[in-house]
C-alpha atoms as a PDB file:
ATOM      1  CA  MET A   1       0.000   0.000   0.000  1.00  0.00           C
ATOM      2  CA  ILE A   2       2.728   2.470   0.947  1.00  0.00           C
ATOM      3  CA  ARG A   3       4.515   1.972  -2.389  1.00  0.00           C
ATOM      4  CA  ILE A   4       1.299   2.640  -4.315  1.00  0.00           C
ATOM      5  CA  VAL A   5       0.548   5.811  -2.345  1.00  0.00           C
ATOM      6  CA  ASN A   6       4.058   7.126  -2.877  1.00  0.00           C
ATOM      7  CA  PHE A   7       3.933   6.282  -6.592  1.00  0.00           C
ATOM      8  CA  PHE A   8       0.793   8.378  -7.094  1.00  0.00           C
ATOM      9  CA  LEU A   9       1.945  11.235  -4.866  1.00  0.00           C
ATOM     10  CA  GLU A  10       5.228  11.466  -6.767  1.00  0.00           C
ATOM     11  CA  LYS A  11       3.428  11.226 -10.115  1.00  0.00           C
ATOM     12  CA  HIS A  12       0.872  13.970  -9.414  1.00  0.00           C
ATOM     13  CA  CYS A  13       2.480  16.335  -6.884  1.00  0.00           C
ATOM     14  CA  PRO A  14       5.622  18.449  -7.266  1.00  0.00           C
ATOM     15  CA  VAL A  15       8.336  17.849  -4.681  1.00  0.00           C
ATOM     16  CA  GLY A  16       7.836  20.168  -1.713  1.00  0.00           C
ATOM     17  CA  SER A  17       4.039  20.333  -2.082  1.00  0.00           C
ATOM     18  CA  LEU A  18       1.960  20.771   1.066  1.00  0.00           C
ATOM     19  CA  LEU A  19      -0.307  17.720   1.233  1.00  0.00           C
ATOM     20  CA  LEU A  20      -3.108  16.910   3.629  1.00  0.00           C
ATOM     21  CA  HIS A  21      -3.502  13.284   4.688  1.00  0.00           C
ATOM     22  CA  ALA A  22      -7.069  13.314   5.965  1.00  0.00           C
ATOM     23  CA  GLY A  23      -7.734  10.485   8.391  1.00  0.00           C
ATOM     24  CA  CYS A  24      -4.059   9.617   8.799  1.00  0.00           C
ATOM     25  CA  GLY A  25      -4.512   7.007  11.534  1.00  0.00           C
ATOM     26  CA  ASN A  26      -1.080   6.154  12.878  1.00  0.00           C
ATOM     27  CA  GLY A  27       0.676   7.952  10.009  1.00  0.00           C
ATOM     28  CA  ASP A  28       2.885   5.048   8.931  1.00  0.00           C
ATOM     29  CA  VAL A  29       1.999   5.696   5.290  1.00  0.00           C
ATOM     30  CA  ASP A  30       3.432   9.220   5.468  1.00  0.00           C
ATOM     31  CA  GLU A  31       6.961   8.377   6.566  1.00  0.00           C
ATOM     32  CA  LYS A  32       8.507   8.089   3.085  1.00  0.00           C
ATOM     33  CA  ALA A  33       6.285  10.792   1.567  1.00  0.00           C
ATOM     34  CA  GLY A  34       7.392  13.153   4.330  1.00  0.00           C
ATOM     35  CA  LYS A  35      10.879  13.156   2.810  1.00  0.00           C
ATOM     36  CA  ARG A  36       9.633  14.629  -0.498  1.00  0.00           C
ATOM     37  CA  PHE A  37       6.543  16.583   0.573  1.00  0.00           C
ATOM     38  CA  LYS A  38       5.309  18.665   3.488  1.00  0.00           C
ATOM     39  CA  ILE A  39       2.622  16.470   5.032  1.00  0.00           C
ATOM     40  CA  LEU A  40      -0.130  17.712   7.310  1.00  0.00           C
ATOM     41  CA  SER A  41      -1.532  14.612   9.024  1.00  0.00           C
ATOM     42  CA  LEU A  42      -5.081  15.029  10.281  1.00  0.00           C
ATOM     43  CA  ASP A  43      -7.175  12.639  12.327  1.00  0.00           C
ATOM     44  CA  MET A  44      -9.921  12.776  14.946  1.00  0.00           C
ATOM     45  CA  ALA A  45      -7.520  11.133  17.395  1.00  0.00           C
ATOM     46  CA  LEU A  46      -3.866  12.034  17.086  1.00  0.00           C
ATOM     47  CA  ARG A  47      -2.126   8.705  17.389  1.00  0.00           C
ATOM     48  CA  THR A  48       0.574   9.092  14.775  1.00  0.00           C
ATOM     49  CA  ASN A  49       4.159   8.137  15.474  1.00  0.00           C
ATOM     50  CA  ASN A  50       5.405   9.838  12.330  1.00  0.00           C
ATOM     51  CA  SER A  51       7.785  12.684  13.069  1.00  0.00           C
ATOM     52  CA  SER A  52       8.063  13.674   9.393  1.00  0.00           C
ATOM     53  CA  SER A  53       4.657  15.349   9.321  1.00  0.00           C
ATOM     54  CA  LYS A  54       2.817  18.131  11.120  1.00  0.00           C
ATOM     55  CA  LEU A  55      -0.192  17.038  13.115  1.00  0.00           C
ATOM     56  CA  ALA A  56      -3.683  18.469  13.273  1.00  0.00           C
ATOM     57  CA  GLN A  57      -6.745  17.208  15.065  1.00  0.00           C
ATOM     58  CA  GLY A  58     -10.146  17.602  13.458  1.00  0.00           C
ATOM     59  CA  ASP A  59     -12.792  16.035  11.309  1.00  0.00           C
ATOM     60  CA  VAL A  60     -13.072  15.990   7.536  1.00  0.00           C
ATOM     61  CA  PHE A  61     -16.268  18.072   7.479  1.00  0.00           C
ATOM     62  CA  ARG A  62     -14.807  21.073   9.330  1.00  0.00           C
ATOM     63  CA  LEU A  63     -11.093  21.048   8.637  1.00  0.00           C
ATOM     64  CA  PRO A  64      -9.113  23.479  10.793  1.00  0.00           C
ATOM     65  CA  ILE A  65      -7.184  24.777   7.781  1.00  0.00           C
ATOM     66  CA  LYS A  66      -7.278  28.079   5.876  1.00  0.00           C
ATOM     67  CA  ASN A  67      -8.918  28.307   2.446  1.00  0.00           C
ATOM     68  CA  SER A  68      -6.685  27.644  -0.557  1.00  0.00           C
ATOM     69  CA  SER A  69      -3.699  26.629   1.560  1.00  0.00           C
ATOM     70  CA  ILE A  70      -3.126  22.990   0.526  1.00  0.00           C
ATOM     71  CA  ASP A  71      -1.562  21.709  -2.709  1.00  0.00           C
ATOM     72  CA  GLY A  72      -3.131  18.256  -2.555  1.00  0.00           C
ATOM     73  CA  ILE A  73      -5.252  15.979  -0.383  1.00  0.00           C
ATOM     74  CA  TYR A  74      -5.320  12.232   0.002  1.00  0.00           C
ATOM     75  CA  ASN A  75      -6.869   9.656   2.291  1.00  0.00           C
ATOM     76  CA  LEU A  76      -6.818   5.884   2.603  1.00  0.00           C
ATOM     77  CA  GLY A  77      -9.549   3.734   4.079  1.00  0.00           C
ATOM     78  CA  LEU A  78     -11.641   6.744   5.034  1.00  0.00           C
ATOM     79  CA  VAL A  79     -14.343   7.462   2.472  1.00  0.00           C
ATOM     80  CA  GLU A  80     -16.032   4.063   2.703  1.00  0.00           C
ATOM     81  CA  HIS A  81     -17.117   4.855   6.260  1.00  0.00           C
ATOM     82  CA  PHE A  82     -19.443   7.637   5.108  1.00  0.00           C
ATOM     83  CA  THR A  83     -22.741   7.958   3.255  1.00  0.00           C
ATOM     84  CA  GLU A  84     -22.914   9.360  -0.258  1.00  0.00           C
ATOM     85  CA  ASN A  85     -24.154  12.738   1.046  1.00  0.00           C
ATOM     86  CA  GLU A  86     -21.350  12.861   3.617  1.00  0.00           C
ATOM     87  CA  ILE A  87     -18.784  12.087   0.911  1.00  0.00           C
ATOM     88  CA  ILE A  88     -20.121  14.995  -1.159  1.00  0.00           C
ATOM     89  CA  GLU A  89     -19.759  17.311   1.862  1.00  0.00           C
ATOM     90  CA  MET A  90     -16.252  15.995   2.496  1.00  0.00           C
ATOM     91  CA  LEU A  91     -15.238  16.671  -1.112  1.00  0.00           C
ATOM     92  CA  LYS A  92     -16.645  20.210  -0.904  1.00  0.00           C
ATOM     93  CA  GLU A  93     -14.502  20.792   2.175  1.00  0.00           C
ATOM     94  CA  TYR A  94     -11.446  19.421   0.364  1.00  0.00           C
ATOM     95  CA  GLN A  95     -12.168  21.749  -2.561  1.00  0.00           C
ATOM     96  CA  ARG A  96     -12.188  24.721  -0.198  1.00  0.00           C
ATOM     97  CA  LEU A  97      -8.627  23.934   0.869  1.00  0.00           C
ATOM     98  CA  GLU A  98      -6.911  23.386  -2.431  1.00  0.00           C
ATOM     99  CA  ALA A  99      -4.781  26.188  -3.755  1.00  0.00           C
END
């Protein structure tokens, strides 16, 4: 999984981009990416051990981040926990953040 995530991040995001990992869990996925990108790891419960990213606590419907301040957003194993209407709201919130 980590190799696939890094492949797509490297393919679609310039080195040094500020990326939001929404629903980061323990943050293990971000360790390698944190060497090429600035990662903001967000979760409801901050339980990440990853020192290569900045941490934020919050939910995906009311992200504690300024408008147009993120270069890219990704999540893994998050969206399937929500209804279709909630996913639409989540995507609207993501759209608000992207520069």
